[in-house]
């Protein structure tokens, strides 16, 4: 009786590229003054972000309620409304821009734009 070695288990395949990607472009030059102030006065950056954080708080509540409602839209229509997708994407982008600014990854103030 001969026994053959079983085939090796399949290797892990690279996951398919995800449709949502976050890229923070590397700036050619960062402001040293803002970097020093950001380190020394980290609380100052958080205070500077308070207006955006208040807007994000309200928008996040809207996002949570809207996501719950969109479940029914998908259930009954079979597709996700484009306008809701763009609105929710804008909220997530604003959140990422705000976090990047507070953490010093970007010198540009996040603003209030959802684009």
PDB file of N, CA and C in Angstrom:
ATOM      1  N   UNK A   1       0.852  -1.170   0.000  1.00  0.00           N
ATOM      2  CA  UNK A   1       0.000   0.000   0.000  1.00  0.00           C
ATOM      3  C   UNK A   1       0.895   1.229   0.000  1.00  0.00           C
ATOM      4  N   UNK A   2       0.706   2.082  -0.961  1.00  0.00           N
ATOM      5  CA  UNK A   2       1.505   3.302  -1.020  1.00  0.00           C
ATOM      6  C   UNK A   2       0.637   4.470  -0.592  1.00  0.00           C
ATOM      7  N   UNK A   3       1.236   5.292   0.169  1.00  0.00           N
ATOM      8  CA  UNK A   3       0.511   6.488   0.606  1.00  0.00           C
ATOM      9  C   UNK A   3       1.182   7.696  -0.018  1.00  0.00           C
ATOM     10  N   UNK A   4       0.400   8.479  -0.610  1.00  0.00           N
ATOM     11  CA  UNK A   4       0.922   9.698  -1.208  1.00  0.00           C
ATOM     12  C   UNK A   4       0.733  10.844  -0.221  1.00  0.00           C
ATOM     13  N   UNK A   5       1.669  11.738  -0.266  1.00  0.00           N
ATOM     14  CA  UNK A   5       1.529  12.910   0.597  1.00  0.00           C
ATOM     15  C   UNK A   5       0.374  13.750   0.073  1.00  0.00           C
ATOM     16  N   UNK A   6      -0.473  14.181   0.979  1.00  0.00           N
ATOM     17  CA  UNK A   6      -1.581  15.031   0.519  1.00  0.00           C
ATOM     18  C   UNK A   6      -1.028  16.351   0.010  1.00  0.00           C
ATOM     19  N   UNK A   7      -1.793  16.957  -0.855  1.00  0.00           N
ATOM     20  CA  UNK A   7      -1.382  18.249  -1.414  1.00  0.00           C
ATOM     21  C   UNK A   7      -1.280  19.264  -0.283  1.00  0.00           C
ATOM     22  N   UNK A   8      -0.306  20.158  -0.368  1.00  0.00           N
ATOM     23  CA  UNK A   8      -0.180  21.156   0.695  1.00  0.00           C
ATOM     24  C   UNK A   8      -1.408  22.071   0.697  1.00  0.00           C
ATOM     25  N   UNK A   9      -1.724  22.599   1.866  1.00  0.00           N
ATOM     26  CA  UNK A   9      -2.885  23.494   1.917  1.00  0.00           C
ATOM     27  C   UNK A   9      -2.634  24.719   1.060  1.00  0.00           C
ATOM     28  N   UNK A  10      -3.686  25.282   0.511  1.00  0.00           N
ATOM     29  CA  UNK A  10      -3.500  26.456  -0.352  1.00  0.00           C
ATOM     30  C   UNK A  10      -2.895  27.612   0.438  1.00  0.00           C
ATOM     31  N   UNK A  11      -2.004  28.321  -0.205  1.00  0.00           N
ATOM     32  CA  UNK A  11      -1.382  29.480   0.449  1.00  0.00           C
ATOM     33  C   UNK A  11      -2.419  30.582   0.583  1.00  0.00           C
ATOM     34  N   UNK A  12      -2.168  31.441   1.525  1.00  0.00           N
ATOM     35  CA  UNK A  12      -3.083  32.562   1.708  1.00  0.00           C
ATOM     36  C   UNK A  12      -3.016  33.466   0.497  1.00  0.00           C
ATOM     37  N   UNK A  13      -4.158  33.810  -0.001  1.00  0.00           N
ATOM     38  CA  UNK A  13      -4.209  34.683  -1.162  1.00  0.00           C
ATOM     39  C   UNK A  13      -4.289  36.128  -0.678  1.00  0.00           C
ATOM     40  N   UNK A  14      -3.743  37.019  -1.457  1.00  0.00           N
ATOM     41  CA  UNK A  14      -3.827  38.434  -1.120  1.00  0.00           C
ATOM     42  C   UNK A  14      -5.280  38.865  -1.226  1.00  0.00           C
ATOM     43  N   UNK A  15      -5.740  39.619  -0.261  1.00  0.00           N
ATOM     44  CA  UNK A  15      -7.136  40.053  -0.328  1.00  0.00           C
ATOM     45  C   UNK A  15      -7.364  40.989  -1.510  1.00  0.00           C
ATOM     46  N   UNK A  16      -8.571  40.969  -1.989  1.00  0.00           N
ATOM     47  CA  UNK A  16      -8.928  41.867  -3.086  1.00  0.00           C
ATOM     48  C   UNK A  16      -8.830  43.309  -2.593  1.00  0.00           C
ATOM     49  N   UNK A  17      -8.454  44.223  -3.464  1.00  0.00           N
ATOM     50  CA  UNK A  17      -8.345  45.615  -3.018  1.00  0.00           C
ATOM     51  C   UNK A  17      -9.696  46.131  -2.548  1.00  0.00           C
ATOM     52  N   UNK A  18      -9.669  46.860  -1.466  1.00  0.00           N
ATOM     53  CA  UNK A  18     -10.897  47.389  -0.881  1.00  0.00           C
ATOM     54  C   UNK A  18     -11.284  48.670  -1.601  1.00  0.00           C
ATOM     55  N   UNK A  19     -12.560  48.898  -1.835  1.00  0.00           N
ATOM     56  CA  UNK A  19     -12.960  50.085  -2.595  1.00  0.00           C
ATOM     57  C   UNK A  19     -12.747  51.399  -1.832  1.00  0.00           C
ATOM     58  N   UNK A  20     -12.610  51.336  -0.511  1.00  0.00           N
ATOM     59  CA  UNK A  20     -12.415  52.548   0.270  1.00  0.00           C
ATOM     60  C   UNK A  20     -10.978  52.562   0.764  1.00  0.00           C
ATOM     61  N   UNK A  21     -10.254  53.604   0.438  1.00  0.00           N
ATOM     62  CA  UNK A  21      -8.865  53.717   0.852  1.00  0.00           C
ATOM     63  C   UNK A  21      -8.629  55.099   1.440  1.00  0.00           C
ATOM     64  N   UNK A  22      -7.752  55.152   2.434  1.00  0.00           N
ATOM     65  CA  UNK A  22      -7.384  56.418   3.056  1.00  0.00           C
ATOM     66  C   UNK A  22      -5.946  56.717   2.686  1.00  0.00           C
ATOM     67  N   UNK A  23      -5.737  57.851   2.071  1.00  0.00           N
ATOM     68  CA  UNK A  23      -4.374  58.275   1.768  1.00  0.00           C
ATOM     69  C   UNK A  23      -4.201  59.695   2.274  1.00  0.00           C
ATOM     70  N   UNK A  24      -3.132  59.895   3.001  1.00  0.00           N
ATOM     71  CA  UNK A  24      -2.774  61.231   3.454  1.00  0.00           C
ATOM     72  C   UNK A  24      -1.492  61.576   2.715  1.00  0.00           C
ATOM     73  N   UNK A  25      -1.570  62.489   1.752  1.00  0.00           N
ATOM     74  CA  UNK A  25      -0.380  62.777   0.947  1.00  0.00           C
ATOM     75  C   UNK A  25       0.733  63.365   1.804  1.00  0.00           C
ATOM     76  N   UNK A  26       1.950  62.960   1.504  1.00  0.00           N
ATOM     77  CA  UNK A  26       3.111  63.471   2.216  1.00  0.00           C
ATOM     78  C   UNK A  26       3.416  64.861   1.692  1.00  0.00           C
ATOM     79  N   UNK A  27       3.428  65.814   2.588  1.00  0.00           N
ATOM     80  CA  UNK A  27       3.737  67.176   2.193  1.00  0.00           C
ATOM     81  C   UNK A  27       5.231  67.295   1.955  1.00  0.00           C
ATOM     82  N   UNK A  28       5.607  68.126   1.006  1.00  0.00           N
ATOM     83  CA  UNK A  28       7.031  68.330   0.733  1.00  0.00           C
ATOM     84  C   UNK A  28       7.710  68.978   1.938  1.00  0.00           C
ATOM     85  N   UNK A  29       6.997  69.868   2.608  1.00  0.00           N
ATOM     86  CA  UNK A  29       7.571  70.551   3.752  1.00  0.00           C
ATOM     87  C   UNK A  29       6.476  70.798   4.772  1.00  0.00           C
ATOM     88  N   UNK A  30       6.783  70.497   6.019  1.00  0.00           N
ATOM     89  CA  UNK A  30       5.852  70.743   7.112  1.00  0.00           C
ATOM     90  C   UNK A  30       6.284  71.993   7.861  1.00  0.00           C
ATOM     91  N   UNK A  31       5.332  72.661   8.481  1.00  0.00           N
ATOM     92  CA  UNK A  31       5.625  73.856   9.249  1.00  0.00           C
ATOM     93  C   UNK A  31       6.251  73.451  10.582  1.00  0.00           C
ATOM     94  N   UNK A  32       7.486  73.860  10.805  1.00  0.00           N
ATOM     95  CA  UNK A  32       8.160  73.530  12.069  1.00  0.00           C
ATOM     96  C   UNK A  32       7.496  74.249  13.226  1.00  0.00           C
ATOM     97  N   UNK A  33       7.057  75.477  12.978  1.00  0.00           N
ATOM     98  CA  UNK A  33       6.395  76.237  14.038  1.00  0.00           C
ATOM     99  C   UNK A  33       5.130  75.542  14.521  1.00  0.00           C
ATOM    100  N   UNK A  34       4.315  75.090  13.559  1.00  0.00           N
ATOM    101  CA  UNK A  34       3.094  74.380  13.943  1.00  0.00           C
ATOM    102  C   UNK A  34       3.410  73.061  14.628  1.00  0.00           C
ATOM    103  N   UNK A  35       4.492  72.415  14.227  1.00  0.00           N
ATOM    104  CA  UNK A  35       4.879  71.157  14.860  1.00  0.00           C
ATOM    105  C   UNK A  35       5.279  71.388  16.310  1.00  0.00           C
ATOM    106  N   UNK A  36       6.072  72.422  16.545  1.00  0.00           N
ATOM    107  CA  UNK A  36       6.493  72.720  17.916  1.00  0.00           C
ATOM    108  C   UNK A  36       5.290  73.114  18.759  1.00  0.00           C
ATOM    109  N   UNK A  37       4.447  73.976  18.199  1.00  0.00           N
ATOM    110  CA  UNK A  37       3.246  74.364  18.939  1.00  0.00           C
ATOM    111  C   UNK A  37       2.323  73.176  19.176  1.00  0.00           C
ATOM    112  N   UNK A  38       2.264  72.273  18.201  1.00  0.00           N
ATOM    113  CA  UNK A  38       1.425  71.090  18.363  1.00  0.00           C
ATOM    114  C   UNK A  38       1.912  70.177  19.465  1.00  0.00           C
ATOM    115  N   UNK A  39       3.229  70.091  19.628  1.00  0.00           N
ATOM    116  CA  UNK A  39       3.785  69.260  20.692  1.00  0.00           C
ATOM    117  C   UNK A  39       3.612  69.939  22.044  1.00  0.00           C
ATOM    118  N   UNK A  40       3.957  71.221  22.090  1.00  0.00           N
ATOM    119  CA  UNK A  40       3.889  71.941  23.362  1.00  0.00           C
ATOM    120  C   UNK A  40       2.440  72.178  23.785  1.00  0.00           C
ATOM    121  N   UNK A  41       1.635  72.593  22.841  1.00  0.00           N
ATOM    122  CA  UNK A  41       0.249  72.946  23.154  1.00  0.00           C
ATOM    123  C   UNK A  41      -0.721  71.988  22.483  1.00  0.00           C
ATOM    124  N   UNK A  42      -0.579  70.702  22.751  1.00  0.00           N
ATOM    125  CA  UNK A  42      -1.482  69.711  22.161  1.00  0.00           C
ATOM    126  C   UNK A  42      -2.928  70.023  22.521  1.00  0.00           C
ATOM    127  N   UNK A  43      -3.124  70.507  23.730  1.00  0.00           N
ATOM    128  CA  UNK A  43      -4.476  70.886  24.163  1.00  0.00           C
ATOM    129  C   UNK A  43      -5.001  72.011  23.271  1.00  0.00           C
ATOM    130  N   UNK A  44      -4.115  72.896  22.813  1.00  0.00           N
ATOM    131  CA  UNK A  44      -4.532  73.987  21.936  1.00  0.00           C
ATOM    132  C   UNK A  44      -5.104  73.475  20.627  1.00  0.00           C
ATOM    133  N   UNK A  45      -4.515  72.404  20.093  1.00  0.00           N
ATOM    134  CA  UNK A  45      -5.059  71.826  18.861  1.00  0.00           C
ATOM    135  C   UNK A  45      -6.433  71.233  19.121  1.00  0.00           C
ATOM    136  N   UNK A  46      -6.582  70.608  20.245  1.00  0.00           N
ATOM    137  CA  UNK A  46      -7.897  70.040  20.572  1.00  0.00           C
ATOM    138  C   UNK A  46      -8.917  71.153  20.744  1.00  0.00           C
ATOM    139  N   UNK A  47      -8.506  72.246  21.398  1.00  0.00           N
ATOM    140  CA  UNK A  47      -9.418  73.391  21.544  1.00  0.00           C
ATOM    141  C   UNK A  47      -9.743  73.969  20.168  1.00  0.00           C
ATOM    142  N   UNK A  48      -8.756  74.034  19.291  1.00  0.00           N
ATOM    143  CA  UNK A  48      -8.997  74.531  17.936  1.00  0.00           C
ATOM    144  C   UNK A  48      -9.935  73.637  17.143  1.00  0.00           C
ATOM    145  N   UNK A  49      -9.966  72.364  17.498  1.00  0.00           N
ATOM    146  CA  UNK A  49     -10.822  71.413  16.784  1.00  0.00           C
ATOM    147  C   UNK A  49     -12.234  71.343  17.368  1.00  0.00           C
ATOM    148  N   UNK A  50     -12.491  72.024  18.463  1.00  0.00           N
ATOM    149  CA  UNK A  50     -13.811  71.926  19.109  1.00  0.00           C
ATOM    150  C   UNK A  50     -14.960  72.277  18.162  1.00  0.00           C
ATOM    151  N   UNK A  51     -14.884  73.360  17.378  1.00  0.00           N
ATOM    152  CA  UNK A  51     -16.018  73.640  16.478  1.00  0.00           C
ATOM    153  C   UNK A  51     -16.288  72.487  15.498  1.00  0.00           C
ATOM    154  N   UNK A  52     -15.221  71.916  14.948  1.00  0.00           N
ATOM    155  CA  UNK A  52     -15.403  70.802  14.013  1.00  0.00           C
ATOM    156  C   UNK A  52     -15.927  69.581  14.760  1.00  0.00           C
ATOM    157  N   UNK A  53     -15.440  69.360  15.975  1.00  0.00           N
ATOM    158  CA  UNK A  53     -15.892  68.202  16.754  1.00  0.00           C
ATOM    159  C   UNK A  53     -17.372  68.308  17.120  1.00  0.00           C
ATOM    160  N   UNK A  54     -17.844  69.524  17.382  1.00  0.00           N
ATOM    161  CA  UNK A  54     -19.271  69.707  17.667  1.00  0.00           C
ATOM    162  C   UNK A  54     -20.094  69.369  16.423  1.00  0.00           C
ATOM    163  N   UNK A  55     -19.650  69.869  15.272  1.00  0.00           N
ATOM    164  CA  UNK A  55     -20.353  69.559  14.017  1.00  0.00           C
ATOM    165  C   UNK A  55     -20.311  68.057  13.759  1.00  0.00           C
ATOM    166  N   UNK A  56     -19.145  67.435  13.981  1.00  0.00           N
ATOM    167  CA  UNK A  56     -19.024  65.983  13.780  1.00  0.00           C
ATOM    168  C   UNK A  56     -19.923  65.204  14.726  1.00  0.00           C
ATOM    169  N   UNK A  57     -20.087  65.682  15.937  1.00  0.00           N
ATOM    170  CA  UNK A  57     -20.968  65.006  16.890  1.00  0.00           C
ATOM    171  C   UNK A  57     -22.398  64.956  16.350  1.00  0.00           C
ATOM    172  N   UNK A  58     -22.879  66.113  15.868  1.00  0.00           N
ATOM    173  CA  UNK A  58     -24.239  66.174  15.332  1.00  0.00           C
ATOM    174  C   UNK A  58     -24.349  65.321  14.059  1.00  0.00           C
ATOM    175  N   UNK A  59     -23.344  65.427  13.183  1.00  0.00           N
ATOM    176  CA  UNK A  59     -23.378  64.659  11.943  1.00  0.00           C
ATOM    177  C   UNK A  59     -23.300  63.152  12.203  1.00  0.00           C
ATOM    178  N   UNK A  60     -22.579  62.753  13.243  1.00  0.00           N
ATOM    179  CA  UNK A  60     -22.489  61.332  13.570  1.00  0.00           C
ATOM    180  C   UNK A  60     -23.828  60.800  14.053  1.00  0.00           C
ATOM    181  N   UNK A  61     -24.563  61.606  14.812  1.00  0.00           N
ATOM    182  CA  UNK A  61     -25.917  61.196  15.227  1.00  0.00           C
ATOM    183  C   UNK A  61     -26.797  61.030  13.989  1.00  0.00           C
ATOM    184  N   UNK A  62     -26.708  61.978  13.058  1.00  0.00           N
ATOM    185  CA  UNK A  62     -27.472  61.879  11.812  1.00  0.00           C
ATOM    186  C   UNK A  62     -27.053  60.643  11.030  1.00  0.00           C
ATOM    187  N   UNK A  63     -25.738  60.365  10.995  1.00  0.00           N
ATOM    188  CA  UNK A  63     -25.236  59.188  10.289  1.00  0.00           C
ATOM    189  C   UNK A  63     -25.808  57.906  10.894  1.00  0.00           C
ATOM    190  N   UNK A  64     -25.826  57.804  12.209  1.00  0.00           N
ATOM    191  CA  UNK A  64     -26.344  56.599  12.862  1.00  0.00           C
ATOM    192  C   UNK A  64     -27.827  56.394  12.540  1.00  0.00           C
ATOM    193  N   UNK A  65     -28.595  57.452  12.622  1.00  0.00           N
ATOM    194  CA  UNK A  65     -30.028  57.344  12.323  1.00  0.00           C
ATOM    195  C   UNK A  65     -30.226  57.047  10.833  1.00  0.00           C
ATOM    196  N   UNK A  66     -29.455  57.746   9.991  1.00  0.00           N
ATOM    197  CA  UNK A  66     -29.569  57.532   8.550  1.00  0.00           C
ATOM    198  C   UNK A  66     -29.165  56.127   8.129  1.00  0.00           C
ATOM    199  N   UNK A  67     -28.128  55.576   8.750  1.00  0.00           N
ATOM    200  CA  UNK A  67     -27.704  54.216   8.413  1.00  0.00           C
ATOM    201  C   UNK A  67     -28.793  53.214   8.773  1.00  0.00           C
ATOM    202  N   UNK A  68     -29.467  53.458   9.868  1.00  0.00           N
ATOM    203  CA  UNK A  68     -30.558  52.568  10.270  1.00  0.00           C
ATOM    204  C   UNK A  68     -31.710  52.666   9.266  1.00  0.00           C
ATOM    205  N   UNK A  69     -32.019  53.879   8.827  1.00  0.00           N
ATOM    206  CA  UNK A  69     -33.098  54.068   7.850  1.00  0.00           C
ATOM    207  C   UNK A  69     -32.704  53.486   6.484  1.00  0.00           C
ATOM    208  N   UNK A  70     -31.428  53.629   6.116  1.00  0.00           N
ATOM    209  CA  UNK A  70     -30.970  53.126   4.818  1.00  0.00           C
ATOM    210  C   UNK A  70     -31.071  51.604   4.721  1.00  0.00           C
ATOM    211  N   UNK A  71     -31.067  50.916   5.858  1.00  0.00           N
ATOM    212  CA  UNK A  71     -31.270  49.468   5.821  1.00  0.00           C
ATOM    213  C   UNK A  71     -32.614  49.139   5.182  1.00  0.00           C
ATOM    214  N   UNK A  72     -33.614  49.926   5.523  1.00  0.00           N
ATOM    215  CA  UNK A  72     -34.943  49.693   4.963  1.00  0.00           C
ATOM    216  C   UNK A  72     -35.003  50.106   3.495  1.00  0.00           C
ATOM    217  N   UNK A  73     -34.268  51.160   3.147  1.00  0.00           N
ATOM    218  CA  UNK A  73     -34.221  51.569   1.744  1.00  0.00           C
ATOM    219  C   UNK A  73     -33.614  50.459   0.895  1.00  0.00           C
ATOM    220  N   UNK A  74     -32.553  49.849   1.395  1.00  0.00           N
ATOM    221  CA  UNK A  74     -31.930  48.749   0.661  1.00  0.00           C
ATOM    222  C   UNK A  74     -32.856  47.545   0.627  1.00  0.00           C
ATOM    223  N   UNK A  75     -33.539  47.291   1.724  1.00  0.00           N
ATOM    224  CA  UNK A  75     -34.448  46.154   1.791  1.00  0.00           C
ATOM    225  C   UNK A  75     -35.566  46.268   0.757  1.00  0.00           C
ATOM    226  N   UNK A  76     -36.127  47.458   0.620  1.00  0.00           N
ATOM    227  CA  UNK A  76     -37.279  47.612  -0.262  1.00  0.00           C
ATOM    228  C   UNK A  76     -36.906  47.947  -1.714  1.00  0.00           C
ATOM    229  N   UNK A  77     -35.813  48.667  -1.927  1.00  0.00           N
ATOM    230  CA  UNK A  77     -35.457  49.051  -3.292  1.00  0.00           C
ATOM    231  C   UNK A  77     -34.354  48.181  -3.883  1.00  0.00           C
ATOM    232  N   UNK A  78     -33.585  47.539  -3.045  1.00  0.00           N
ATOM    233  CA  UNK A  78     -32.511  46.682  -3.530  1.00  0.00           C
ATOM    234  C   UNK A  78     -31.230  47.427  -3.859  1.00  0.00           C
ATOM    235  N   UNK A  79     -31.187  48.737  -3.621  1.00  0.00           N
ATOM    236  CA  UNK A  79     -29.956  49.484  -3.864  1.00  0.00           C
ATOM    237  C   UNK A  79     -29.810  50.588  -2.819  1.00  0.00           C
ATOM    238  N   UNK A  80     -28.561  50.984  -2.624  1.00  0.00           N
ATOM    239  CA  UNK A  80     -28.252  52.026  -1.642  1.00  0.00           C
ATOM    240  C   UNK A  80     -28.349  53.379  -2.328  1.00  0.00           C
ATOM    241  N   UNK A  81     -29.086  54.331  -1.792  1.00  0.00           N
ATOM    242  CA  UNK A  81     -29.231  55.639  -2.434  1.00  0.00           C
ATOM    243  C   UNK A  81     -27.886  56.360  -2.573  1.00  0.00           C
ATOM    244  N   UNK A  82     -27.603  56.879  -3.741  1.00  0.00           N
ATOM    245  CA  UNK A  82     -26.325  57.540  -4.017  1.00  0.00           C
ATOM    246  C   UNK A  82     -26.116  58.766  -3.133  1.00  0.00           C
ATOM    247  N   UNK A  83     -27.157  59.537  -2.918  1.00  0.00           N
ATOM    248  CA  UNK A  83     -27.031  60.734  -2.088  1.00  0.00           C
ATOM    249  C   UNK A  83     -26.651  60.411  -0.655  1.00  0.00           C
ATOM    250  N   UNK A  84     -27.245  59.372  -0.105  1.00  0.00           N
ATOM    251  CA  UNK A  84     -26.908  58.959   1.259  1.00  0.00           C
ATOM    252  C   UNK A  84     -25.467  58.474   1.322  1.00  0.00           C
ATOM    253  N   UNK A  85     -25.039  57.747   0.298  1.00  0.00           N
ATOM    254  CA  UNK A  85     -23.660  57.259   0.267  1.00  0.00           C
ATOM    255  C   UNK A  85     -22.673  58.424   0.258  1.00  0.00           C
ATOM    256  N   UNK A  86     -22.918  59.422  -0.573  1.00  0.00           N
ATOM    257  CA  UNK A  86     -22.028  60.583  -0.648  1.00  0.00           C
ATOM    258  C   UNK A  86     -22.018  61.360   0.668  1.00  0.00           C
ATOM    259  N   UNK A  87     -23.172  61.509   1.300  1.00  0.00           N
ATOM    260  CA  UNK A  87     -23.266  62.222   2.578  1.00  0.00           C
ATOM    261  C   UNK A  87     -22.494  61.489   3.662  1.00  0.00           C
ATOM    262  N   UNK A  88     -22.682  60.189   3.770  1.00  0.00           N
ATOM    263  CA  UNK A  88     -21.992  59.398   4.787  1.00  0.00           C
ATOM    264  C   UNK A  88     -20.484  59.369   4.518  1.00  0.00           C
ATOM    265  N   UNK A  89     -20.099  59.274   3.246  1.00  0.00           N
ATOM    266  CA  UNK A  89     -18.679  59.295   2.891  1.00  0.00           C
ATOM    267  C   UNK A  89     -18.052  60.622   3.308  1.00  0.00           C
ATOM    268  N   UNK A  90     -18.777  61.715   3.107  1.00  0.00           N
ATOM    269  CA  UNK A  90     -18.281  63.033   3.495  1.00  0.00           C
ATOM    270  C   UNK A  90     -18.063  63.152   4.993  1.00  0.00           C
ATOM    271  N   UNK A  91     -18.974  62.589   5.780  1.00  0.00           N
ATOM    272  CA  UNK A  91     -18.820  62.621   7.233  1.00  0.00           C
ATOM    273  C   UNK A  91     -17.570  61.840   7.649  1.00  0.00           C
ATOM    274  N   UNK A  92     -17.367  60.692   7.061  1.00  0.00           N
ATOM    275  CA  UNK A  92     -16.201  59.872   7.407  1.00  0.00           C
ATOM    276  C   UNK A  92     -14.914  60.578   6.978  1.00  0.00           C
ATOM    277  N   UNK A  93     -14.922  61.243   5.817  1.00  0.00           N
ATOM    278  CA  UNK A  93     -13.735  61.986   5.376  1.00  0.00           C
ATOM    279  C   UNK A  93     -13.438  63.160   6.302  1.00  0.00           C
ATOM    280  N   UNK A  94     -14.478  63.869   6.744  1.00  0.00           N
ATOM    281  CA  UNK A  94     -14.282  64.984   7.664  1.00  0.00           C
ATOM    282  C   UNK A  94     -13.702  64.481   8.981  1.00  0.00           C
ATOM    283  N   UNK A  95     -14.156  63.333   9.449  1.00  0.00           N
ATOM    284  CA  UNK A  95     -13.616  62.745  10.668  1.00  0.00           C
ATOM    285  C   UNK A  95     -12.137  62.423  10.494  1.00  0.00           C
ATOM    286  N   UNK A  96     -11.774  61.832   9.368  1.00  0.00           N
ATOM    287  CA  UNK A  96     -10.374  61.478   9.119  1.00  0.00           C
ATOM    288  C   UNK A  96      -9.502  62.730   9.008  1.00  0.00           C
ATOM    289  N   UNK A  97      -9.996  63.775   8.325  1.00  0.00           N
ATOM    290  CA  UNK A  97      -9.223  65.011   8.213  1.00  0.00           C
ATOM    291  C   UNK A  97      -9.011  65.663   9.566  1.00  0.00           C
ATOM    292  N   UNK A  98     -10.046  65.644  10.408  1.00  0.00           N
ATOM    293  CA  UNK A  98      -9.931  66.235  11.737  1.00  0.00           C
ATOM    294  C   UNK A  98      -8.926  65.472  12.581  1.00  0.00           C
ATOM    295  N   UNK A  99      -8.993  64.164  12.550  1.00  0.00           N
ATOM    296  CA  UNK A  99      -8.039  63.362  13.318  1.00  0.00           C
ATOM    297  C   UNK A  99      -6.620  63.574  12.806  1.00  0.00           C
ATOM    298  N   UNK A 100      -6.434  63.674  11.496  1.00  0.00           N
ATOM    299  CA  UNK A 100      -5.106  63.899  10.928  1.00  0.00           C
ATOM    300  C   UNK A 100      -4.559  65.252  11.379  1.00  0.00           C
ATOM    301  N   UNK A 101      -5.399  66.268  11.435  1.00  0.00           N
ATOM    302  CA  UNK A 101      -4.938  67.582  11.858  1.00  0.00           C
ATOM    303  C   UNK A 101      -4.575  67.595  13.337  1.00  0.00           C
ATOM    304  N   UNK A 102      -5.419  67.015  14.171  1.00  0.00           N
ATOM    305  CA  UNK A 102      -5.144  66.998  15.615  1.00  0.00           C
ATOM    306  C   UNK A 102      -3.877  66.202  15.918  1.00  0.00           C
ATOM    307  N   UNK A 103      -3.647  65.109  15.207  1.00  0.00           N
ATOM    308  CA  UNK A 103      -2.478  64.269  15.454  1.00  0.00           C
ATOM    309  C   UNK A 103      -1.217  64.767  14.752  1.00  0.00           C
ATOM    310  N   UNK A 104      -1.310  65.863  14.014  1.00  0.00           N
ATOM    311  CA  UNK A 104      -0.139  66.446  13.382  1.00  0.00           C
ATOM    312  C   UNK A 104       0.258  65.805  12.066  1.00  0.00           C
ATOM    313  N   UNK A 105      -0.628  65.036  11.457  1.00  0.00           N
ATOM    314  CA  UNK A 105      -0.326  64.435  10.171  1.00  0.00           C
ATOM    315  C   UNK A 105      -0.549  65.402   9.021  1.00  0.00           C
ATOM    316  N   UNK A 106      -1.235  66.496   9.294  1.00  0.00           N
ATOM    317  CA  UNK A 106      -1.529  67.491   8.271  1.00  0.00           C
ATOM    318  C   UNK A 106      -1.477  68.870   8.915  1.00  0.00           C
ATOM    319  N   UNK A 107      -0.971  69.845   8.186  1.00  0.00           N
ATOM    320  CA  UNK A 107      -0.943  71.224   8.683  1.00  0.00           C
ATOM    321  C   UNK A 107      -2.227  71.971   8.338  1.00  0.00           C
ATOM    322  N   UNK A 108      -3.010  71.420   7.455  1.00  0.00           N
ATOM    323  CA  UNK A 108      -4.212  72.097   6.962  1.00  0.00           C
ATOM    324  C   UNK A 108      -5.379  71.851   7.905  1.00  0.00           C
ATOM    325  N   UNK A 109      -6.020  72.951   8.364  1.00  0.00           N
ATOM    326  CA  UNK A 109      -7.189  72.849   9.235  1.00  0.00           C
ATOM    327  C   UNK A 109      -8.291  72.109   8.487  1.00  0.00           C
ATOM    328  N   UNK A 110      -9.000  71.175   9.151  1.00  0.00           N
ATOM    329  CA  UNK A 110      -9.956  70.333   8.423  1.00  0.00           C
ATOM    330  C   UNK A 110     -11.142  71.070   7.837  1.00  0.00           C
ATOM    331  N   UNK A 111     -11.530  72.191   8.397  1.00  0.00           N
ATOM    332  CA  UNK A 111     -12.690  72.904   7.864  1.00  0.00           C
ATOM    333  C   UNK A 111     -13.982  72.154   8.113  1.00  0.00           C
ATOM    334  N   UNK A 112     -15.030  72.560   7.411  1.00  0.00           N
ATOM    335  CA  UNK A 112     -16.341  71.955   7.623  1.00  0.00           C
ATOM    336  C   UNK A 112     -16.906  71.323   6.367  1.00  0.00           C
ATOM    337  N   UNK A 113     -16.125  71.225   5.313  1.00  0.00           N
ATOM    338  CA  UNK A 113     -16.603  70.690   4.051  1.00  0.00           C
ATOM    339  C   UNK A 113     -16.736  69.168   4.117  1.00  0.00           C
ATOM    340  N   UNK A 114     -17.792  68.653   3.517  1.00  0.00           N
ATOM    341  CA  UNK A 114     -17.980  67.207   3.445  1.00  0.00           C
ATOM    342  C   UNK A 114     -17.411  66.629   2.158  1.00  0.00           C
ATOM    343  N   UNK A 115     -16.620  67.397   1.432  1.00  0.00           N
ATOM    344  CA  UNK A 115     -16.017  66.919   0.177  1.00  0.00           C
ATOM    345  C   UNK A 115     -14.560  66.631   0.375  1.00  0.00           C
TER     346      UNK A 115
END
